[in-house]
Protein backbone atom coordinates (compact mmCIF):
# COMPACT_ATOMS: atom_id res chain seq x y z
CA UNK A 1 0.00 0.00 0.00
CA UNK A 2 1.28 3.51 -0.78
CA UNK A 3 1.77 6.17 1.93
CA UNK A 4 -1.25 7.49 3.84
CA UNK A 5 -3.14 10.39 2.32
CA UNK A 6 -5.46 12.96 3.93
CA UNK A 7 -8.76 11.53 5.19
CA UNK A 8 -10.80 12.94 2.27
CA UNK A 9 -8.60 11.00 -0.17
CA UNK A 10 -8.95 7.69 1.66
CA UNK A 11 -12.25 6.83 -0.05
CA UNK A 12 -10.01 5.21 -2.65
CA UNK A 13 -6.97 3.24 -1.45
CA UNK A 14 -4.14 2.38 -3.85
CA UNK A 15 -3.17 -1.16 -2.85
CA UNK A 16 -0.19 -1.52 -5.17
CA UNK A 17 1.43 0.28 -8.08
CA UNK A 18 4.36 -0.55 -10.33
CA UNK A 19 5.89 0.74 -13.53
CA UNK A 20 5.79 -1.42 -16.65
CA UNK A 21 7.35 -1.17 -20.10
CA UNK A 22 4.89 -1.22 -22.97
CA UNK A 23 5.28 -1.86 -26.67
CA UNK A 24 6.92 0.96 -28.56
CA UNK A 25 9.10 1.99 -25.62
CA UNK A 26 6.29 3.63 -23.66
CA UNK A 27 5.85 3.23 -19.93
CA UNK A 28 2.85 3.06 -17.61
CA UNK A 29 2.02 2.74 -13.94
CA UNK A 30 -0.36 -0.13 -13.27
CA UNK A 31 -1.89 -1.30 -10.05
CA UNK A 32 -5.00 -1.85 -7.99
CA UNK A 33 -7.19 0.61 -6.10
CA UNK A 34 -10.11 -0.16 -3.80
CA UNK A 35 -13.24 1.88 -3.03
CA UNK A 36 -13.40 2.07 0.79
CA UNK A 37 -16.00 4.85 0.95
CA UNK A 38 -19.02 2.64 1.60
CA UNK A 39 -20.85 4.19 -1.37
CA UNK A 40 -20.77 4.14 -5.17
CA UNK A 41 -18.10 6.43 -6.63
CA UNK A 42 -19.28 8.12 -9.82
CA UNK A 43 -15.68 8.99 -10.72
CA UNK A 44 -12.34 7.88 -9.27
CA UNK A 45 -9.02 9.29 -10.49
CA UNK A 46 -5.40 8.49 -9.65
CA UNK A 47 -2.53 10.77 -10.63
CA UNK A 48 1.16 10.01 -10.28
CA UNK A 49 4.02 12.51 -10.47
CA UNK A 50 6.89 11.27 -12.61
CA UNK A 51 10.46 12.10 -11.61
CA UNK A 52 13.61 12.31 -13.70
CA UNK A 53 16.95 10.93 -12.61
CA UNK A 54 17.76 14.15 -10.69
CA UNK A 55 14.52 14.03 -8.69
CA UNK A 56 12.62 16.80 -10.47
CA UNK A 57 9.04 16.32 -11.66
CA UNK A 58 9.04 15.77 -15.42
CA UNK A 59 5.43 14.79 -16.01
CA UNK A 60 2.42 12.91 -14.73
CA UNK A 61 0.41 9.77 -15.43
CA UNK A 62 -3.36 9.74 -14.86
CA UNK A 63 -6.16 7.18 -15.08
CA UNK A 64 -9.87 7.40 -14.27
CA UNK A 65 -12.80 5.03 -13.83
CA UNK A 66 -16.54 5.48 -13.40
CA UNK A 67 -19.25 3.84 -11.27
CA UNK A 68 -16.92 2.02 -8.86
CA UNK A 69 -19.12 0.16 -6.33
CA UNK A 70 -18.47 0.04 -2.56
CA UNK A 71 -15.55 -2.34 -1.84
CA UNK A 72 -14.99 -2.58 -5.61
CA UNK A 73 -11.46 -2.99 -6.93
CA UNK A 74 -10.14 -1.21 -9.98
CA UNK A 75 -7.07 -2.17 -11.99
CA UNK A 76 -5.72 1.16 -13.21
CA UNK A 77 -3.36 1.76 -16.13
CA UNK A 78 -1.89 5.27 -16.07
CA UNK A 79 0.12 5.88 -19.25
CA UNK A 80 3.24 7.99 -19.07
CA UNK A 81 4.08 10.07 -22.12
CA UNK A 82 7.68 10.54 -21.03
CA UNK A 83 10.45 8.31 -19.68
CA UNK A 84 10.86 8.51 -15.90
CA UNK A 85 13.22 7.20 -13.23
CA UNK A 86 10.72 7.04 -10.34
CA UNK A 87 7.10 7.87 -9.52
CA UNK A 88 5.03 8.91 -6.53
CA UNK A 89 1.30 9.10 -5.89
CA UNK A 90 0.35 12.74 -6.30
CA UNK A 91 -3.42 12.84 -5.97
CA UNK A 92 -6.55 10.77 -5.62
CA UNK A 93 -9.87 12.34 -6.53
CA UNK A 94 -13.29 10.80 -6.01
CA UNK A 95 -16.80 11.94 -6.85
CA UNK A 96 -19.63 10.12 -5.03
CA UNK A 97 -22.59 9.07 -7.15
CA UNK A 98 -25.70 11.23 -6.83
CA UNK A 99 -28.36 9.69 -4.64
PDB file of N, CA and C in Angstrom:
ATOM      1  N   UNK A   1       0.858  -1.173   0.000  1.00  0.00           N
ATOM      2  CA  UNK A   1       0.000   0.000   0.000  1.00  0.00           C
ATOM      3  C   UNK A   1       0.903   1.234   0.000  1.00  0.00           C
ATOM      4  N   UNK A   2       0.506   2.275  -0.707  1.00  0.00           N
ATOM      5  CA  UNK A   2       1.278   3.508  -0.777  1.00  0.00           C
ATOM      6  C   UNK A   2       1.044   4.347   0.472  1.00  0.00           C
ATOM      7  N   UNK A   3       1.880   5.366   0.710  1.00  0.00           N
ATOM      8  CA  UNK A   3       1.772   6.175   1.929  1.00  0.00           C
ATOM      9  C   UNK A   3       0.375   6.737   2.161  1.00  0.00           C
ATOM     10  N   UNK A   4       0.067   6.965   3.446  1.00  0.00           N
ATOM     11  CA  UNK A   4      -1.247   7.489   3.837  1.00  0.00           C
ATOM     12  C   UNK A   4      -1.484   8.860   3.232  1.00  0.00           C
ATOM     13  N   UNK A   5      -2.722   9.115   2.883  1.00  0.00           N
ATOM     14  CA  UNK A   5      -3.139  10.395   2.322  1.00  0.00           C
ATOM     15  C   UNK A   5      -4.131  11.042   3.273  1.00  0.00           C
ATOM     16  N   UNK A   6      -4.459  12.313   3.079  1.00  0.00           N
ATOM     17  CA  UNK A   6      -5.463  12.960   3.925  1.00  0.00           C
ATOM     18  C   UNK A   6      -6.770  12.176   3.932  1.00  0.00           C
ATOM     19  N   UNK A   7      -7.533  12.320   5.002  1.00  0.00           N
ATOM     20  CA  UNK A   7      -8.758  11.534   5.195  1.00  0.00           C
ATOM     21  C   UNK A   7      -9.705  11.619   4.006  1.00  0.00           C
ATOM     22  N   UNK A   8      -9.858  12.811   3.391  1.00  0.00           N
ATOM     23  CA  UNK A   8     -10.797  12.941   2.273  1.00  0.00           C
ATOM     24  C   UNK A   8     -10.368  12.122   1.063  1.00  0.00           C
ATOM     25  N   UNK A   9      -9.088  11.774   0.973  1.00  0.00           N
ATOM     26  CA  UNK A   9      -8.597  11.000  -0.166  1.00  0.00           C
ATOM     27  C   UNK A   9      -8.633   9.501   0.108  1.00  0.00           C
ATOM     28  N   UNK A  10      -9.007   9.108   1.315  1.00  0.00           N
ATOM     29  CA  UNK A  10      -8.954   7.693   1.655  1.00  0.00           C
ATOM     30  C   UNK A  10     -10.216   6.931   1.273  1.00  0.00           C
ATOM     31  N   UNK A  11     -11.124   7.561   0.530  1.00  0.00           N
ATOM     32  CA  UNK A  11     -12.252   6.830  -0.047  1.00  0.00           C
ATOM     33  C   UNK A  11     -11.737   5.788  -1.034  1.00  0.00           C
ATOM     34  N   UNK A  12     -10.621   6.097  -1.673  1.00  0.00           N
ATOM     35  CA  UNK A  12     -10.005   5.209  -2.650  1.00  0.00           C
ATOM     36  C   UNK A  12      -8.590   4.917  -2.168  1.00  0.00           C
ATOM     37  N   UNK A  13      -8.278   3.646  -1.938  1.00  0.00           N
ATOM     38  CA  UNK A  13      -6.967   3.245  -1.446  1.00  0.00           C
ATOM     39  C   UNK A  13      -6.207   2.563  -2.580  1.00  0.00           C
ATOM     40  N   UNK A  14      -4.994   3.039  -2.869  1.00  0.00           N
ATOM     41  CA  UNK A  14      -4.140   2.378  -3.850  1.00  0.00           C
ATOM     42  C   UNK A  14      -3.415   1.247  -3.125  1.00  0.00           C
ATOM     43  N   UNK A  15      -3.731   0.023  -3.498  1.00  0.00           N
ATOM     44  CA  UNK A  15      -3.166  -1.161  -2.845  1.00  0.00           C
ATOM     45  C   UNK A  15      -1.765  -1.476  -3.338  1.00  0.00           C
ATOM     46  N   UNK A  16      -1.526  -1.290  -4.614  1.00  0.00           N
ATOM     47  CA  UNK A  16      -0.193  -1.522  -5.171  1.00  0.00           C
ATOM     48  C   UNK A  16      -0.078  -0.774  -6.483  1.00  0.00           C
ATOM     49  N   UNK A  17       1.158  -0.415  -6.823  1.00  0.00           N
ATOM     50  CA  UNK A  17       1.428   0.276  -8.083  1.00  0.00           C
ATOM     51  C   UNK A  17       2.850  -0.055  -8.511  1.00  0.00           C
ATOM     52  N   UNK A  18       3.030  -0.260  -9.808  1.00  0.00           N
ATOM     53  CA  UNK A  18       4.361  -0.553 -10.328  1.00  0.00           C
ATOM     54  C   UNK A  18       4.467   0.008 -11.745  1.00  0.00           C
ATOM     55  N   UNK A  19       5.691   0.267 -12.166  1.00  0.00           N
ATOM     56  CA  UNK A  19       5.892   0.741 -13.532  1.00  0.00           C
ATOM     57  C   UNK A  19       6.125  -0.464 -14.438  1.00  0.00           C
ATOM     58  N   UNK A  20       5.625  -0.360 -15.657  1.00  0.00           N
ATOM     59  CA  UNK A  20       5.791  -1.422 -16.652  1.00  0.00           C
ATOM     60  C   UNK A  20       6.225  -0.802 -17.973  1.00  0.00           C
ATOM     61  N   UNK A  21       6.966  -1.574 -18.749  1.00  0.00           N
ATOM     62  CA  UNK A  21       7.351  -1.175 -20.101  1.00  0.00           C
ATOM     63  C   UNK A  21       6.298  -1.696 -21.059  1.00  0.00           C
ATOM     64  N   UNK A  22       5.885  -0.839 -21.975  1.00  0.00           N
ATOM     65  CA  UNK A  22       4.891  -1.223 -22.971  1.00  0.00           C
ATOM     66  C   UNK A  22       5.534  -1.275 -24.345  1.00  0.00           C
ATOM     67  N   UNK A  23       4.807  -1.808 -25.288  1.00  0.00           N
ATOM     68  CA  UNK A  23       5.278  -1.860 -26.670  1.00  0.00           C
ATOM     69  C   UNK A  23       5.580  -0.452 -27.161  1.00  0.00           C
ATOM     70  N   UNK A  24       6.570  -0.335 -27.999  1.00  0.00           N
ATOM     71  CA  UNK A  24       6.918   0.959 -28.562  1.00  0.00           C
ATOM     72  C   UNK A  24       7.748   1.819 -27.630  1.00  0.00           C
ATOM     73  N   UNK A  25       8.247   1.241 -26.535  1.00  0.00           N
ATOM     74  CA  UNK A  25       9.101   1.985 -25.620  1.00  0.00           C
ATOM     75  C   UNK A  25       8.369   2.881 -24.640  1.00  0.00           C
ATOM     76  N   UNK A  26       7.059   2.833 -24.619  1.00  0.00           N
ATOM     77  CA  UNK A  26       6.287   3.634 -23.656  1.00  0.00           C
ATOM     78  C   UNK A  26       6.293   2.957 -22.297  1.00  0.00           C
ATOM     79  N   UNK A  27       5.919   3.734 -21.294  1.00  0.00           N
ATOM     80  CA  UNK A  27       5.849   3.228 -19.927  1.00  0.00           C
ATOM     81  C   UNK A  27       4.485   3.561 -19.336  1.00  0.00           C
ATOM     82  N   UNK A  28       4.113   2.811 -18.304  1.00  0.00           N
ATOM     83  CA  UNK A  28       2.853   3.063 -17.608  1.00  0.00           C
ATOM     84  C   UNK A  28       3.014   2.658 -16.153  1.00  0.00           C
ATOM     85  N   UNK A  29       2.116   3.170 -15.325  1.00  0.00           N
ATOM     86  CA  UNK A  29       2.021   2.741 -13.939  1.00  0.00           C
ATOM     87  C   UNK A  29       0.718   1.969 -13.836  1.00  0.00           C
ATOM     88  N   UNK A  30       0.817   0.723 -13.412  1.00  0.00           N
ATOM     89  CA  UNK A  30      -0.362  -0.126 -13.273  1.00  0.00           C
ATOM     90  C   UNK A  30      -0.474  -0.586 -11.831  1.00  0.00           C
ATOM     91  N   UNK A  31      -1.690  -0.845 -11.410  1.00  0.00           N
ATOM     92  CA  UNK A  31      -1.893  -1.302 -10.046  1.00  0.00           C
ATOM     93  C   UNK A  31      -3.358  -1.486  -9.739  1.00  0.00           C
ATOM     94  N   UNK A  32      -3.644  -1.598  -8.449  1.00  0.00           N
ATOM     95  CA  UNK A  32      -5.001  -1.854  -7.987  1.00  0.00           C
ATOM     96  C   UNK A  32      -5.399  -0.816  -6.953  1.00  0.00           C
ATOM     97  N   UNK A  33      -6.617  -0.314  -7.075  1.00  0.00           N
ATOM     98  CA  UNK A  33      -7.188   0.612  -6.096  1.00  0.00           C
ATOM     99  C   UNK A  33      -8.510   0.027  -5.618  1.00  0.00           C
ATOM    100  N   UNK A  34      -8.891   0.376  -4.396  1.00  0.00           N
ATOM    101  CA  UNK A  34     -10.114  -0.163  -3.797  1.00  0.00           C
ATOM    102  C   UNK A  34     -10.974   0.964  -3.244  1.00  0.00           C
ATOM    103  N   UNK A  35     -12.271   0.901  -3.529  1.00  0.00           N
ATOM    104  CA  UNK A  35     -13.237   1.877  -3.025  1.00  0.00           C
ATOM    105  C   UNK A  35     -13.592   1.514  -1.585  1.00  0.00           C
ATOM    106  N   UNK A  36     -13.136   2.321  -0.627  1.00  0.00           N
ATOM    107  CA  UNK A  36     -13.401   2.070   0.788  1.00  0.00           C
ATOM    108  C   UNK A  36     -14.407   3.060   1.356  1.00  0.00           C
ATOM    109  N   UNK A  37     -15.114   3.777   0.507  1.00  0.00           N
ATOM    110  CA  UNK A  37     -16.000   4.854   0.949  1.00  0.00           C
ATOM    111  C   UNK A  37     -17.326   4.359   1.518  1.00  0.00           C
ATOM    112  N   UNK A  38     -17.719   3.136   1.181  1.00  0.00           N
ATOM    113  CA  UNK A  38     -19.021   2.642   1.602  1.00  0.00           C
ATOM    114  C   UNK A  38     -20.155   3.077   0.685  1.00  0.00           C
ATOM    115  N   UNK A  39     -19.826   3.741  -0.424  1.00  0.00           N
ATOM    116  CA  UNK A  39     -20.852   4.185  -1.368  1.00  0.00           C
ATOM    117  C   UNK A  39     -20.294   4.099  -2.795  1.00  0.00           C
ATOM    118  N   UNK A  40     -21.183   4.144  -3.759  1.00  0.00           N
ATOM    119  CA  UNK A  40     -20.774   4.140  -5.165  1.00  0.00           C
ATOM    120  C   UNK A  40     -19.973   5.408  -5.457  1.00  0.00           C
ATOM    121  N   UNK A  41     -18.858   5.266  -6.179  1.00  0.00           N
ATOM    122  CA  UNK A  41     -18.101   6.428  -6.635  1.00  0.00           C
ATOM    123  C   UNK A  41     -18.399   6.638  -8.111  1.00  0.00           C
ATOM    124  N   UNK A  42     -18.965   7.790  -8.425  1.00  0.00           N
ATOM    125  CA  UNK A  42     -19.278   8.121  -9.817  1.00  0.00           C
ATOM    126  C   UNK A  42     -17.996   8.202 -10.627  1.00  0.00           C
ATOM    127  N   UNK A  43     -16.968   8.842 -10.056  1.00  0.00           N
ATOM    128  CA  UNK A  43     -15.678   8.988 -10.719  1.00  0.00           C
ATOM    129  C   UNK A  43     -14.569   8.784  -9.701  1.00  0.00           C
ATOM    130  N   UNK A  44     -13.542   8.052 -10.096  1.00  0.00           N
ATOM    131  CA  UNK A  44     -12.344   7.882  -9.272  1.00  0.00           C
ATOM    132  C   UNK A  44     -11.136   8.109 -10.172  1.00  0.00           C
ATOM    133  N   UNK A  45     -10.196   8.937  -9.713  1.00  0.00           N
ATOM    134  CA  UNK A  45      -9.020   9.293 -10.495  1.00  0.00           C
ATOM    135  C   UNK A  45      -7.766   9.097  -9.662  1.00  0.00           C
ATOM    136  N   UNK A  46      -6.721   8.529 -10.272  1.00  0.00           N
ATOM    137  CA  UNK A  46      -5.402   8.485  -9.646  1.00  0.00           C
ATOM    138  C   UNK A  46      -4.442   9.263 -10.533  1.00  0.00           C
ATOM    139  N   UNK A  47      -3.543  10.016  -9.902  1.00  0.00           N
ATOM    140  CA  UNK A  47      -2.532  10.771 -10.633  1.00  0.00           C
ATOM    141  C   UNK A  47      -1.187  10.537  -9.970  1.00  0.00           C
ATOM    142  N   UNK A  48      -0.189  10.244 -10.771  1.00  0.00           N
ATOM    143  CA  UNK A  48       1.164  10.014 -10.284  1.00  0.00           C
ATOM    144  C   UNK A  48       2.092  11.082 -10.842  1.00  0.00           C
ATOM    145  N   UNK A  49       2.941  11.654  -9.991  1.00  0.00           N
ATOM    146  CA  UNK A  49       4.015  12.515 -10.468  1.00  0.00           C
ATOM    147  C   UNK A  49       5.144  11.622 -10.952  1.00  0.00           C
ATOM    148  N   UNK A  50       5.770  12.005 -12.044  1.00  0.00           N
ATOM    149  CA  UNK A  50       6.895  11.269 -12.612  1.00  0.00           C
ATOM    150  C   UNK A  50       8.158  12.084 -12.393  1.00  0.00           C
ATOM    151  N   UNK A  51       9.215  11.418 -11.955  1.00  0.00           N
ATOM    152  CA  UNK A  51      10.458  12.097 -11.611  1.00  0.00           C
ATOM    153  C   UNK A  51      11.582  11.651 -12.533  1.00  0.00           C
ATOM    154  N   UNK A  52      12.426  12.610 -12.922  1.00  0.00           N
ATOM    155  CA  UNK A  52      13.614  12.312 -13.704  1.00  0.00           C
ATOM    156  C   UNK A  52      14.724  11.819 -12.798  1.00  0.00           C
ATOM    157  N   UNK A  53      15.866  11.507 -13.393  1.00  0.00           N
ATOM    158  CA  UNK A  53      16.954  10.930 -12.612  1.00  0.00           C
ATOM    159  C   UNK A  53      17.521  11.886 -11.569  1.00  0.00           C
ATOM    160  N   UNK A  54      17.267  13.185 -11.685  1.00  0.00           N
ATOM    161  CA  UNK A  54      17.760  14.149 -10.693  1.00  0.00           C
ATOM    162  C   UNK A  54      16.698  14.517  -9.669  1.00  0.00           C
ATOM    163  N   UNK A  55      15.557  13.831  -9.702  1.00  0.00           N
ATOM    164  CA  UNK A  55      14.524  14.033  -8.694  1.00  0.00           C
ATOM    165  C   UNK A  55      13.532  15.143  -8.976  1.00  0.00           C
ATOM    166  N   UNK A  56      13.584  15.749 -10.145  1.00  0.00           N
ATOM    167  CA  UNK A  56      12.621  16.797 -10.474  1.00  0.00           C
ATOM    168  C   UNK A  56      11.411  16.188 -11.190  1.00  0.00           C
ATOM    169  N   UNK A  57      10.253  16.799 -11.001  1.00  0.00           N
ATOM    170  CA  UNK A  57       9.041  16.322 -11.663  1.00  0.00           C
ATOM    171  C   UNK A  57       9.141  16.630 -13.153  1.00  0.00           C
ATOM    172  N   UNK A  58       8.944  15.600 -13.967  1.00  0.00           N
ATOM    173  CA  UNK A  58       9.044  15.773 -15.418  1.00  0.00           C
ATOM    174  C   UNK A  58       7.738  15.457 -16.138  1.00  0.00           C
ATOM    175  N   UNK A  59       6.712  15.099 -15.386  1.00  0.00           N
ATOM    176  CA  UNK A  59       5.428  14.792 -16.009  1.00  0.00           C
ATOM    177  C   UNK A  59       4.495  14.124 -15.029  1.00  0.00           C
ATOM    178  N   UNK A  60       3.388  13.611 -15.564  1.00  0.00           N
ATOM    179  CA  UNK A  60       2.423  12.905 -14.726  1.00  0.00           C
ATOM    180  C   UNK A  60       1.766  11.800 -15.539  1.00  0.00           C
ATOM    181  N   UNK A  61       1.172  10.860 -14.815  1.00  0.00           N
ATOM    182  CA  UNK A  61       0.410   9.771 -15.425  1.00  0.00           C
ATOM    183  C   UNK A  61      -0.924   9.700 -14.695  1.00  0.00           C
ATOM    184  N   UNK A  62      -2.018   9.648 -15.448  1.00  0.00           N
ATOM    185  CA  UNK A  62      -3.361   9.738 -14.864  1.00  0.00           C
ATOM    186  C   UNK A  62      -4.244   8.631 -15.442  1.00  0.00           C
ATOM    187  N   UNK A  63      -5.117   8.082 -14.596  1.00  0.00           N
ATOM    188  CA  UNK A  63      -6.163   7.178 -15.078  1.00  0.00           C
ATOM    189  C   UNK A  63      -7.429   7.462 -14.286  1.00  0.00           C
ATOM    190  N   UNK A  64      -8.564   7.090 -14.867  1.00  0.00           N
ATOM    191  CA  UNK A  64      -9.868   7.395 -14.275  1.00  0.00           C
ATOM    192  C   UNK A  64     -10.821   6.244 -14.561  1.00  0.00           C
ATOM    193  N   UNK A  65     -11.730   5.999 -13.618  1.00  0.00           N
ATOM    194  CA  UNK A  65     -12.796   5.025 -13.827  1.00  0.00           C
ATOM    195  C   UNK A  65     -14.114   5.626 -13.362  1.00  0.00           C
ATOM    196  N   UNK A  66     -15.204   4.989 -13.748  1.00  0.00           N
ATOM    197  CA  UNK A  66     -16.536   5.481 -13.396  1.00  0.00           C
ATOM    198  C   UNK A  66     -17.368   4.358 -12.784  1.00  0.00           C
ATOM    199  N   UNK A  67     -18.286   4.763 -11.893  1.00  0.00           N
ATOM    200  CA  UNK A  67     -19.247   3.845 -11.267  1.00  0.00           C
ATOM    201  C   UNK A  67     -18.560   2.681 -10.550  1.00  0.00           C
ATOM    202  N   UNK A  68     -17.632   3.019  -9.656  1.00  0.00           N
ATOM    203  CA  UNK A  68     -16.920   2.018  -8.859  1.00  0.00           C
ATOM    204  C   UNK A  68     -17.736   1.719  -7.605  1.00  0.00           C
ATOM    205  N   UNK A  69     -18.231   0.481  -7.452  1.00  0.00           N
ATOM    206  CA  UNK A  69     -19.120   0.162  -6.329  1.00  0.00           C
ATOM    207  C   UNK A  69     -18.372   0.111  -4.997  1.00  0.00           C
ATOM    208  N   UNK A  70     -19.102   0.172  -3.876  1.00  0.00           N
ATOM    209  CA  UNK A  70     -18.471   0.038  -2.565  1.00  0.00           C
ATOM    210  C   UNK A  70     -17.674  -1.274  -2.500  1.00  0.00           C
ATOM    211  N   UNK A  71     -16.472  -1.199  -1.951  1.00  0.00           N
ATOM    212  CA  UNK A  71     -15.552  -2.340  -1.839  1.00  0.00           C
ATOM    213  C   UNK A  71     -15.088  -2.869  -3.193  1.00  0.00           C
ATOM    214  N   UNK A  72     -15.426  -2.166  -4.280  1.00  0.00           N
ATOM    215  CA  UNK A  72     -14.991  -2.584  -5.608  1.00  0.00           C
ATOM    216  C   UNK A  72     -13.510  -2.312  -5.805  1.00  0.00           C
ATOM    217  N   UNK A  73     -12.872  -3.168  -6.590  1.00  0.00           N
ATOM    218  CA  UNK A  73     -11.459  -2.992  -6.933  1.00  0.00           C
ATOM    219  C   UNK A  73     -11.346  -2.593  -8.399  1.00  0.00           C
ATOM    220  N   UNK A  74     -10.368  -1.749  -8.648  1.00  0.00           N
ATOM    221  CA  UNK A  74     -10.144  -1.212  -9.984  1.00  0.00           C
ATOM    222  C   UNK A  74      -8.687  -1.437 -10.343  1.00  0.00           C
ATOM    223  N   UNK A  75      -8.435  -2.026 -11.490  1.00  0.00           N
ATOM    224  CA  UNK A  75      -7.073  -2.170 -11.994  1.00  0.00           C
ATOM    225  C   UNK A  75      -6.806  -0.982 -12.906  1.00  0.00           C
ATOM    226  N   UNK A  76      -5.992  -0.043 -12.421  1.00  0.00           N
ATOM    227  CA  UNK A  76      -5.721   1.165 -13.209  1.00  0.00           C
ATOM    228  C   UNK A  76      -4.505   0.970 -14.102  1.00  0.00           C
ATOM    229  N   UNK A  77      -4.437   1.792 -15.143  1.00  0.00           N
ATOM    230  CA  UNK A  77      -3.364   1.759 -16.133  1.00  0.00           C
ATOM    231  C   UNK A  77      -3.108   3.212 -16.536  1.00  0.00           C
ATOM    232  N   UNK A  78      -2.182   3.844 -15.844  1.00  0.00           N
ATOM    233  CA  UNK A  78      -1.892   5.266 -16.067  1.00  0.00           C
ATOM    234  C   UNK A  78      -0.696   5.381 -17.014  1.00  0.00           C
ATOM    235  N   UNK A  79      -0.956   5.776 -18.256  1.00  0.00           N
ATOM    236  CA  UNK A  79       0.118   5.884 -19.252  1.00  0.00           C
ATOM    237  C   UNK A  79       0.993   7.105 -18.995  1.00  0.00           C
ATOM    238  N   UNK A  80       2.271   6.900 -19.187  1.00  0.00           N
ATOM    239  CA  UNK A  80       3.239   7.989 -19.075  1.00  0.00           C
ATOM    240  C   UNK A  80       3.695   8.350 -20.484  1.00  0.00           C
ATOM    241  N   UNK A  81       3.697   9.618 -20.786  1.00  0.00           N
ATOM    242  CA  UNK A  81       4.078  10.067 -22.122  1.00  0.00           C
ATOM    243  C   UNK A  81       5.530  10.497 -22.174  1.00  0.00           C
ATOM    244  N   UNK A  82       6.259  10.224 -21.099  1.00  0.00           N
ATOM    245  CA  UNK A  82       7.677  10.544 -21.029  1.00  0.00           C
ATOM    246  C   UNK A  82       8.385   9.450 -20.246  1.00  0.00           C
ATOM    247  N   UNK A  83       9.672   9.271 -20.464  1.00  0.00           N
ATOM    248  CA  UNK A  83      10.448   8.311 -19.680  1.00  0.00           C
ATOM    249  C   UNK A  83      10.667   8.884 -18.292  1.00  0.00           C
ATOM    250  N   UNK A  84      10.667   8.029 -17.270  1.00  0.00           N
ATOM    251  CA  UNK A  84      10.856   8.505 -15.905  1.00  0.00           C
ATOM    252  C   UNK A  84      11.705   7.521 -15.122  1.00  0.00           C
ATOM    253  N   UNK A  85      12.362   8.029 -14.072  1.00  0.00           N
ATOM    254  CA  UNK A  85      13.220   7.201 -13.230  1.00  0.00           C
ATOM    255  C   UNK A  85      12.468   6.674 -12.022  1.00  0.00           C
ATOM    256  N   UNK A  86      11.475   7.414 -11.533  1.00  0.00           N
ATOM    257  CA  UNK A  86      10.720   7.039 -10.342  1.00  0.00           C
ATOM    258  C   UNK A  86       9.343   7.681 -10.434  1.00  0.00           C
ATOM    259  N   UNK A  87       8.426   7.267  -9.551  1.00  0.00           N
ATOM    260  CA  UNK A  87       7.103   7.872  -9.523  1.00  0.00           C
ATOM    261  C   UNK A  87       6.602   7.915  -8.095  1.00  0.00           C
ATOM    262  N   UNK A  88       5.660   8.813  -7.838  1.00  0.00           N
ATOM    263  CA  UNK A  88       5.025   8.911  -6.529  1.00  0.00           C
ATOM    264  C   UNK A  88       3.574   9.306  -6.695  1.00  0.00           C
ATOM    265  N   UNK A  89       2.721   8.770  -5.830  1.00  0.00           N
ATOM    266  CA  UNK A  89       1.300   9.101  -5.886  1.00  0.00           C
ATOM    267  C   UNK A  89       1.120  10.575  -5.569  1.00  0.00           C
ATOM    268  N   UNK A  90       0.513  11.300  -6.473  1.00  0.00           N
ATOM    269  CA  UNK A  90       0.350  12.739  -6.304  1.00  0.00           C
ATOM    270  C   UNK A  90      -1.036  13.102  -5.803  1.00  0.00           C
ATOM    271  N   UNK A  91      -2.054  12.434  -6.324  1.00  0.00           N
ATOM    272  CA  UNK A  91      -3.416  12.844  -5.972  1.00  0.00           C
ATOM    273  C   UNK A  91      -4.400  11.718  -6.256  1.00  0.00           C
ATOM    274  N   UNK A  92      -5.384  11.627  -5.387  1.00  0.00           N
ATOM    275  CA  UNK A  92      -6.546  10.771  -5.615  1.00  0.00           C
ATOM    276  C   UNK A  92      -7.759  11.679  -5.556  1.00  0.00           C
ATOM    277  N   UNK A  93      -8.654  11.530  -6.514  1.00  0.00           N
ATOM    278  CA  UNK A  93      -9.868  12.344  -6.531  1.00  0.00           C
ATOM    279  C   UNK A  93     -11.052  11.406  -6.699  1.00  0.00           C
ATOM    280  N   UNK A  94     -12.081  11.616  -5.888  1.00  0.00           N
ATOM    281  CA  UNK A  94     -13.289  10.800  -6.008  1.00  0.00           C
ATOM    282  C   UNK A  94     -14.511  11.699  -6.053  1.00  0.00           C
ATOM    283  N   UNK A  95     -15.517  11.252  -6.783  1.00  0.00           N
ATOM    284  CA  UNK A  95     -16.801  11.944  -6.849  1.00  0.00           C
ATOM    285  C   UNK A  95     -17.879  10.915  -6.522  1.00  0.00           C
ATOM    286  N   UNK A  96     -18.566  11.062  -5.367  1.00  0.00           N
ATOM    287  CA  UNK A  96     -19.631  10.120  -5.029  1.00  0.00           C
ATOM    288  C   UNK A  96     -20.769  10.205  -6.046  1.00  0.00           C
ATOM    289  N   UNK A  97     -21.429   9.092  -6.257  1.00  0.00           N
ATOM    290  CA  UNK A  97     -22.587   9.071  -7.148  1.00  0.00           C
ATOM    291  C   UNK A  97     -23.736   9.833  -6.510  1.00  0.00           C
ATOM    292  N   UNK A  98     -24.522  10.505  -7.334  1.00  0.00           N
ATOM    293  CA  UNK A  98     -25.699  11.227  -6.832  1.00  0.00           C
ATOM    294  C   UNK A  98     -26.698  10.221  -6.294  1.00  0.00           C
ATOM    295  N   UNK A  99     -27.380  10.610  -5.245  1.00  0.00           N
ATOM    296  CA  UNK A  99     -28.363   9.689  -4.637  1.00  0.00           C
ATOM    297  C   UNK A  99     -29.736   9.987  -5.151  1.00  0.00           C
TER     298      UNK A  99
END
